C-alpha atoms as a PDB file:
ATOM      1  CA  MET A   1      26.231 -83.880 -91.612  1.00  0.00           C
ATOM      2  CA  ALA A   2      22.719 -84.920 -92.636  1.00  0.00           C
ATOM      3  CA  VAL A   3      21.507 -88.488 -93.062  1.00  0.00           C
ATOM      4  CA  LEU A   4      19.187 -89.362 -95.955  1.00  0.00           C
ATOM      5  CA  ALA A   5      17.412 -92.658 -95.354  1.00  0.00           C
ATOM      6  CA  VAL A   6      16.079 -94.750 -98.246  1.00  0.00           C
ATOM      7  CA  ILE A   7      13.443 -97.068 -96.786  1.00  0.00           C
ATOM      8  CA  ASP A   8      14.133-100.705 -97.642  1.00  0.00           C
ATOM      9  CA  TYR A   9      11.055-102.902 -97.303  1.00  0.00           C
ATOM     10  CA  GLY A  10      12.054-105.432 -99.946  1.00  0.00           C
ATOM     11  CA  MET A  11      10.569-103.776-103.034  1.00  0.00           C
ATOM     12  CA  GLY A  12      12.099-101.446-105.607  1.00  0.00           C
ATOM     13  CA  ASN A  13      15.473-100.697-107.150  1.00  0.00           C
ATOM     14  CA  LEU A  14      16.870 -99.102-104.028  1.00  0.00           C
ATOM     15  CA  ARG A  15      20.487 -99.117-105.147  1.00  0.00           C
ATOM     16  CA  SER A  16      19.681 -96.891-108.123  1.00  0.00           C
ATOM     17  CA  VAL A  17      17.873 -94.420-105.861  1.00  0.00           C
ATOM     18  CA  ALA A  18      20.673 -94.458-103.300  1.00  0.00           C
ATOM     19  CA  ASN A  19      23.387 -94.027-105.938  1.00  0.00           C
ATOM     20  CA  ALA A  20      21.553 -91.098-107.521  1.00  0.00           C
ATOM     21  CA  LEU A  21      21.083 -89.436-104.126  1.00  0.00           C
ATOM     22  CA  SER A  22      24.730 -89.975-103.210  1.00  0.00           C
ATOM     23  CA  HIS A  23      25.732 -88.332-106.481  1.00  0.00           C
ATOM     24  CA  VAL A  24      23.788 -85.130-105.773  1.00  0.00           C
ATOM     25  CA  ALA A  25      23.761 -84.870-101.950  1.00  0.00           C
ATOM     26  CA  PRO A  26      25.760 -82.097-100.276  1.00  0.00           C
ATOM     27  CA  PRO A  27      29.342 -83.034 -99.376  1.00  0.00           C
ATOM     28  CA  GLY A  28      29.462 -84.843 -96.065  1.00  0.00           C
ATOM     29  CA  ASP A  29      25.853 -85.991 -96.129  1.00  0.00           C
ATOM     30  CA  ARG A  30      25.297 -89.726 -95.839  1.00  0.00           C
ATOM     31  CA  VAL A  31      22.794 -91.854 -97.769  1.00  0.00           C
ATOM     32  CA  VAL A  32      21.728 -95.080 -96.056  1.00  0.00           C
ATOM     33  CA  VAL A  33      19.486 -97.857 -97.366  1.00  0.00           C
ATOM     34  CA  THR A  34      17.762 -99.292 -94.319  1.00  0.00           C
ATOM     35  CA  SER A  35      14.845-101.341 -93.039  1.00  0.00           C
ATOM     36  CA  SER A  36      15.511-100.287 -89.445  1.00  0.00           C
ATOM     37  CA  PRO A  37      12.650 -98.212 -87.983  1.00  0.00           C
ATOM     38  CA  SER A  38      15.044 -96.472 -85.590  1.00  0.00           C
ATOM     39  CA  VAL A  39      17.456 -95.468 -88.366  1.00  0.00           C
ATOM     40  CA  VAL A  40      14.565 -94.114 -90.449  1.00  0.00           C
ATOM     41  CA  ARG A  41      13.183 -92.177 -87.467  1.00  0.00           C
ATOM     42  CA  ASN A  42      16.563 -90.591 -86.784  1.00  0.00           C
ATOM     43  CA  ALA A  43      17.258 -89.577 -90.390  1.00  0.00           C
ATOM     44  CA  ASP A  44      17.133 -85.949 -91.462  1.00  0.00           C
ATOM     45  CA  ARG A  45      15.375 -86.731 -94.745  1.00  0.00           C
ATOM     46  CA  VAL A  46      13.492 -89.836 -95.829  1.00  0.00           C
ATOM     47  CA  VAL A  47      12.905 -91.370 -99.270  1.00  0.00           C
ATOM     48  CA  PHE A  48      10.086 -93.904 -99.654  1.00  0.00           C
ATOM     49  CA  PRO A  49      10.537 -95.670-103.029  1.00  0.00           C
ATOM     50  CA  GLY A  50       8.808 -98.727-104.411  1.00  0.00           C
ATOM     51  CA  GLN A  51       7.872-100.872-107.372  1.00  0.00           C
ATOM     52  CA  GLY A  52       5.471-103.764-107.780  1.00  0.00           C
ATOM     53  CA  ALA A  53       1.936-104.297-106.497  1.00  0.00           C
ATOM     54  CA  ALA A  54       0.110-102.338-103.809  1.00  0.00           C
ATOM     55  CA  ARG A  55      -0.886-105.426-101.824  1.00  0.00           C
ATOM     56  CA  ASP A  56       2.696-106.683-101.698  1.00  0.00           C
ATOM     57  CA  CYS A  57       3.925-103.235-100.753  1.00  0.00           C
ATOM     58  CA  MET A  58       1.518-102.942 -97.818  1.00  0.00           C
ATOM     59  CA  TYR A  59       2.343-106.480 -96.670  1.00  0.00           C
ATOM     60  CA  GLU A  60       6.088-105.816 -96.690  1.00  0.00           C
ATOM     61  CA  ILE A  61       5.760-102.468 -94.920  1.00  0.00           C
ATOM     62  CA  THR A  62       3.813-104.158 -92.145  1.00  0.00           C
ATOM     63  CA  ASN A  63       6.076-107.218 -92.082  1.00  0.00           C
ATOM     64  CA  HIS A  64       9.150-105.020 -91.637  1.00  0.00           C
ATOM     65  CA  GLY A  65       7.524-103.091 -88.775  1.00  0.00           C
ATOM     66  CA  LEU A  66       7.657 -99.836 -90.752  1.00  0.00           C
ATOM     67  CA  LEU A  67       3.990 -98.829 -90.808  1.00  0.00           C
ATOM     68  CA  GLU A  68       4.016 -96.415 -87.856  1.00  0.00           C
ATOM     69  CA  THR A  69       7.518 -95.271 -88.706  1.00  0.00           C
ATOM     70  CA  ILE A  70       6.433 -94.093 -92.156  1.00  0.00           C
ATOM     71  CA  PHE A  71       3.514 -92.190 -90.644  1.00  0.00           C
ATOM     72  CA  ASP A  72       5.738 -90.560 -88.058  1.00  0.00           C
ATOM     73  CA  VAL A  73       8.487 -89.370 -90.393  1.00  0.00           C
ATOM     74  CA  ALA A  74       5.992 -88.211 -93.026  1.00  0.00           C
ATOM     75  CA  ARG A  75       4.520 -85.879 -90.417  1.00  0.00           C
ATOM     76  CA  ASN A  76       7.659 -84.046 -89.383  1.00  0.00           C
ATOM     77  CA  ARG A  77      10.584 -84.146 -91.815  1.00  0.00           C
ATOM     78  CA  PRO A  78      11.328 -83.843 -95.551  1.00  0.00           C
ATOM     79  CA  PHE A  79       9.756 -86.929 -97.115  1.00  0.00           C
ATOM     80  CA  LEU A  80       9.899 -88.049-100.756  1.00  0.00           C
ATOM     81  CA  GLY A  81       7.613 -90.790-102.100  1.00  0.00           C
ATOM     82  CA  ILE A  82       8.546 -92.367-105.447  1.00  0.00           C
ATOM     83  CA  CYS A  83       6.249 -94.445-107.701  1.00  0.00           C
ATOM     84  CA  MET A  84       4.576 -97.039-105.421  1.00  0.00           C
ATOM     85  CA  GLY A  85       5.821 -94.906-102.542  1.00  0.00           C
ATOM     86  CA  MET A  86       3.479 -92.214-103.834  1.00  0.00           C
ATOM     87  CA  GLN A  87       0.468 -94.424-104.510  1.00  0.00           C
ATOM     88  CA  VAL A  88       0.257 -96.117-101.123  1.00  0.00           C
ATOM     89  CA  LEU A  89       0.144 -92.743 -99.376  1.00  0.00           C
ATOM     90  CA  LEU A  90      -3.505 -92.648-100.469  1.00  0.00           C
ATOM     91  CA  GLU A  91      -6.373 -94.547 -98.844  1.00  0.00           C
ATOM     92  CA  HIS A  92      -7.138 -97.312-101.312  1.00  0.00           C
ATOM     93  CA  SER A  93      -5.921 -98.881-104.558  1.00  0.00           C
ATOM     94  CA  GLU A  94      -7.904-100.731-107.214  1.00  0.00           C
ATOM     95  CA  GLU A  95      -4.924-103.047-107.666  1.00  0.00           C
ATOM     96  CA  ASN A  96      -5.161-106.719-106.631  1.00  0.00           C
ATOM     97  CA  GLY A  97      -8.946-106.542-106.488  1.00  0.00           C
ATOM     98  CA  GLY A  98      -8.772-103.674-104.015  1.00  0.00           C
ATOM     99  CA  THR A  99      -6.113-102.905-101.434  1.00  0.00           C
ATOM    100  CA  ASP A 100      -6.279-100.646 -98.388  1.00  0.00           C
ATOM    101  CA  CYS A 101      -3.241 -98.361 -98.282  1.00  0.00           C
ATOM    102  CA  LEU A 102      -1.707 -96.000 -95.736  1.00  0.00           C
ATOM    103  CA  GLY A 103      -4.413 -93.347 -95.943  1.00  0.00           C
ATOM    104  CA  PHE A 104      -2.009 -90.490 -95.311  1.00  0.00           C
ATOM    105  CA  PHE A 105      -3.960 -88.517 -97.923  1.00  0.00           C
ATOM    106  CA  PRO A 106      -7.629 -89.061 -98.864  1.00  0.00           C
ATOM    107  CA  GLY A 107      -7.940 -90.534-102.336  1.00  0.00           C
ATOM    108  CA  GLU A 108      -7.897 -93.573-104.611  1.00  0.00           C
ATOM    109  CA  VAL A 109      -5.379 -95.246-106.883  1.00  0.00           C
ATOM    110  CA  ARG A 110      -7.034 -96.030-110.227  1.00  0.00           C
ATOM    111  CA  TYR A 111      -6.270 -98.443-113.068  1.00  0.00           C
ATOM    112  CA  PHE A 112      -5.661 -96.904-116.477  1.00  0.00           C
ATOM    113  CA  GLY A 113      -7.906 -99.584-117.992  1.00  0.00           C
ATOM    114  CA  VAL A 114      -7.481-102.558-120.273  1.00  0.00           C
ATOM    115  CA  SER A 115      -7.277-100.568-123.494  1.00  0.00           C
ATOM    116  CA  PRO A 116      -7.073 -96.798-122.992  1.00  0.00           C
ATOM    117  CA  HIS A 117      -6.890 -94.622-126.092  1.00  0.00           C
ATOM    118  CA  ASP A 118      -5.220 -91.381-126.999  1.00  0.00           C
ATOM    119  CA  PRO A 119      -8.075 -88.818-127.100  1.00  0.00           C
ATOM    120  CA  LEU A 120      -6.425 -86.907-129.955  1.00  0.00           C
ATOM    121  CA  THR A 121      -5.420 -89.715-132.321  1.00  0.00           C
ATOM    122  CA  GLY A 122      -7.707 -92.530-131.152  1.00  0.00           C
ATOM    123  CA  SER A 123      -4.729 -94.892-131.082  1.00  0.00           C
ATOM    124  CA  ARG A 124      -4.575 -97.552-128.376  1.00  0.00           C
ATOM    125  CA  LEU A 125      -2.164 -96.896-125.535  1.00  0.00           C
ATOM    126  CA  LYS A 126      -0.047 -99.623-123.992  1.00  0.00           C
ATOM    127  CA  ILE A 127      -0.354-100.514-120.332  1.00  0.00           C
ATOM    128  CA  PRO A 128       1.802-100.203-118.322  1.00  0.00           C
ATOM    129  CA  HIS A 129       2.541 -96.588-119.132  1.00  0.00           C
ATOM    130  CA  MET A 130       6.263 -97.008-119.729  1.00  0.00           C
ATOM    131  CA  GLY A 131       8.773 -94.495-120.984  1.00  0.00           C
ATOM    132  CA  TRP A 132       9.302 -90.751-121.111  1.00  0.00           C
ATOM    133  CA  ASN A 133       6.490 -88.278-120.570  1.00  0.00           C
ATOM    134  CA  GLN A 134       6.076 -84.670-119.498  1.00  0.00           C
ATOM    135  CA  LEU A 135       5.170 -83.177-116.150  1.00  0.00           C
ATOM    136  CA  ARG A 136       2.938 -80.115-116.298  1.00  0.00           C
ATOM    137  CA  GLN A 137       3.610 -78.191-113.123  1.00  0.00           C
ATOM    138  CA  PHE A 138       0.457 -76.910-111.402  1.00  0.00           C
ATOM    139  CA  HIS A 139       1.971 -75.223-108.364  1.00  0.00           C
ATOM    140  CA  SER A 140       5.371 -73.864-107.491  1.00  0.00           C
ATOM    141  CA  HIS A 141       7.454 -75.962-105.125  1.00  0.00           C
ATOM    142  CA  PRO A 142      11.075 -75.967-103.934  1.00  0.00           C
ATOM    143  CA  LEU A 143      11.633 -79.341-105.615  1.00  0.00           C
ATOM    144  CA  TRP A 144      10.817 -77.807-109.013  1.00  0.00           C
ATOM    145  CA  SER A 145      13.768 -75.404-108.706  1.00  0.00           C
ATOM    146  CA  GLY A 146      15.785 -75.528-111.937  1.00  0.00           C
ATOM    147  CA  ILE A 147      13.263 -77.867-113.594  1.00  0.00           C
ATOM    148  CA  PRO A 148      11.240 -76.155-116.343  1.00  0.00           C
ATOM    149  CA  ASP A 149       7.548 -76.823-116.807  1.00  0.00           C
ATOM    150  CA  GLN A 150       6.800 -79.691-119.237  1.00  0.00           C
ATOM    151  CA  THR A 151      10.112 -81.415-118.474  1.00  0.00           C
ATOM    152  CA  TRP A 152      10.344 -85.099-119.454  1.00  0.00           C
ATOM    153  CA  PHE A 153      10.618 -87.805-116.791  1.00  0.00           C
ATOM    154  CA  TYR A 154      10.626 -91.603-116.931  1.00  0.00           C
ATOM    155  CA  PHE A 155       7.486 -93.571-115.951  1.00  0.00           C
ATOM    156  CA  VAL A 156       6.637 -97.240-115.369  1.00  0.00           C
ATOM    157  CA  HIS A 157       3.138 -97.819-113.955  1.00  0.00           C
ATOM    158  CA  SER A 158      -0.349 -99.170-114.642  1.00  0.00           C
ATOM    159  CA  TYR A 159      -2.140 -97.256-111.868  1.00  0.00           C
ATOM    160  CA  TYR A 160      -2.300 -93.579-110.995  1.00  0.00           C
ATOM    161  CA  ALA A 161      -3.091 -91.527-107.900  1.00  0.00           C
ATOM    162  CA  GLU A 162      -6.339 -89.581-107.640  1.00  0.00           C
ATOM    163  CA  PRO A 163      -6.274 -87.514-104.431  1.00  0.00           C
ATOM    164  CA  VAL A 164      -9.571 -86.105-103.145  1.00  0.00           C
ATOM    165  CA  ASN A 165      -8.045 -82.688-102.537  1.00  0.00           C
ATOM    166  CA  SER A 166      -7.010 -81.210-105.881  1.00  0.00           C
ATOM    167  CA  ASP A 167      -4.863 -78.653-104.047  1.00  0.00           C
ATOM    168  CA  LEU A 168      -2.382 -81.461-103.361  1.00  0.00           C
ATOM    169  CA  VAL A 169      -1.653 -81.863-107.078  1.00  0.00           C
ATOM    170  CA  VAL A 170       1.576 -80.120-108.068  1.00  0.00           C
ATOM    171  CA  ALA A 171       1.987 -81.801-111.479  1.00  0.00           C
ATOM    172  CA  LYS A 172      -0.106 -83.652-114.037  1.00  0.00           C
ATOM    173  CA  THR A 173       0.796 -85.872-116.985  1.00  0.00           C
ATOM    174  CA  SER A 174      -1.273 -86.927-120.001  1.00  0.00           C
ATOM    175  CA  TYR A 175      -1.652 -90.564-120.993  1.00  0.00           C
ATOM    176  CA  GLY A 176      -5.141 -91.137-122.326  1.00  0.00           C
ATOM    177  CA  ILE A 177      -6.303 -89.047-119.402  1.00  0.00           C
ATOM    178  CA  GLU A 178      -4.618 -86.277-117.457  1.00  0.00           C
ATOM    179  CA  PHE A 179      -3.531 -87.805-114.152  1.00  0.00           C
ATOM    180  CA  CYS A 180      -1.792 -86.587-111.011  1.00  0.00           C
ATOM    181  CA  SER A 181       1.924 -87.258-111.456  1.00  0.00           C
ATOM    182  CA  ALA A 182       3.135 -85.385-108.362  1.00  0.00           C
ATOM    183  CA  LEU A 183       1.477 -84.300-105.138  1.00  0.00           C
ATOM    184  CA  ALA A 184       2.723 -82.335-102.179  1.00  0.00           C
ATOM    185  CA  LYS A 185       1.666 -81.014 -98.810  1.00  0.00           C
ATOM    186  CA  GLU A 186       3.879 -79.322 -96.255  1.00  0.00           C
ATOM    187  CA  ASN A 187       6.978 -81.543 -95.786  1.00  0.00           C
ATOM    188  CA  VAL A 188       5.777 -84.357 -98.093  1.00  0.00           C
ATOM    189  CA  PHE A 189       6.457 -84.519-101.826  1.00  0.00           C
ATOM    190  CA  ALA A 190       5.514 -87.602-103.866  1.00  0.00           C
ATOM    191  CA  ILE A 191       6.030 -88.309-107.541  1.00  0.00           C
ATOM    192  CA  GLN A 192       4.807 -91.095-109.837  1.00  0.00           C
ATOM    193  CA  CYS A 193       7.798 -91.197-112.157  1.00  0.00           C
ATOM    194  CA  HIS A 194      11.316 -92.370-111.322  1.00  0.00           C
ATOM    195  CA  PRO A 195      13.748 -89.477-110.762  1.00  0.00           C
ATOM    196  CA  GLU A 196      16.641 -91.932-110.498  1.00  0.00           C
ATOM    197  CA  LYS A 197      15.925 -93.025-114.101  1.00  0.00           C
ATOM    198  CA  SER A 198      15.155 -89.553-115.466  1.00  0.00           C
ATOM    199  CA  SER A 199      18.617 -88.307-116.415  1.00  0.00           C
ATOM    200  CA  GLN A 200      19.590 -84.752-115.450  1.00  0.00           C
ATOM    201  CA  SER A 201      16.032 -83.656-114.654  1.00  0.00           C
ATOM    202  CA  GLY A 202      15.607 -86.449-112.147  1.00  0.00           C
ATOM    203  CA  LEU A 203      18.991 -85.770-110.601  1.00  0.00           C
ATOM    204  CA  ARG A 204      18.026 -82.123-110.238  1.00  0.00           C
ATOM    205  CA  LEU A 205      14.854 -83.075-108.354  1.00  0.00           C
ATOM    206  CA  LEU A 206      16.868 -85.321-106.024  1.00  0.00           C
ATOM    207  CA  HIS A 207      19.445 -82.539-105.635  1.00  0.00           C
ATOM    208  CA  ASN A 208      16.652 -80.213-104.544  1.00  0.00           C
ATOM    209  CA  PHE A 209      15.239 -82.761-102.118  1.00  0.00           C
ATOM    210  CA  ALA A 210      18.648 -83.341-100.518  1.00  0.00           C
ATOM    211  CA  ARG A 211      18.707 -79.629 -99.599  1.00  0.00           C
ATOM    212  CA  TRP A 212      15.005 -79.111 -98.836  1.00  0.00           C
ATOM    213  CA  ASP A 213      14.072 -78.008 -95.320  1.00  0.00           C
ATOM    214  CA  GLY A 214      10.539 -79.412 -95.665  1.00  0.00           C
ATOM    215  CA  GLU A 215       8.917 -76.012 -95.963  1.00  0.00           C
ATOM    216  CA  THR A 216       7.051 -74.480 -98.888  1.00  0.00           C
ATOM    217  CA  LEU A 217       6.156 -70.911 -99.714  1.00  0.00           C
ATOM    218  CA  GLU A 218       2.597 -71.621 -98.577  1.00  0.00           C
ATOM    219  CA  SER A 219       3.686 -72.938 -95.177  1.00  0.00           C
ATOM    220  CA  LYS A 220       6.032 -70.055 -94.330  1.00  0.00           C
END
């Protein structure tokens, strides 16, 4: 029986993530929502969700004593970052006047801007980027199994990840610009949209994660 830990640091709709995982996890596997560093460290797979502001996220991670724990589990077991849980894996965010993040991957988190425009129509785009949009898959990955290229997922965000290493980018999405909507390296996969709100496509991604051994074709 495997344990899937959803990290609870006081931010994000954790119950929705946990319910979606419980729905698709293999029979006998257990999904736990926890703020306990020891429970997270002993889990077989770890989900790092989040909503809200980068500064608040970093404060709560530190306040809950989870900083080193997140680093440790992201190094050696299947790890899924969702929304803010993706962004703070990078070094720095423009949010809140500038916020230092975890620095697990080199890169910045950028603001879409006050009034971005659609490059094709010239129409003004609303911020936050909220609603359904497509993921253009750049690299194959076990978590894409059964999910066609250009599948629609649900987004809610005003900032986007810009990793230094373009090889980390496994999906991009267009919203005024083309931005990184999913990144991956070895046992870490992180996605900007919300799989738990993305209907059958999101459930399929969580289904794949619940069975992922943390390896990719490139790492074998």
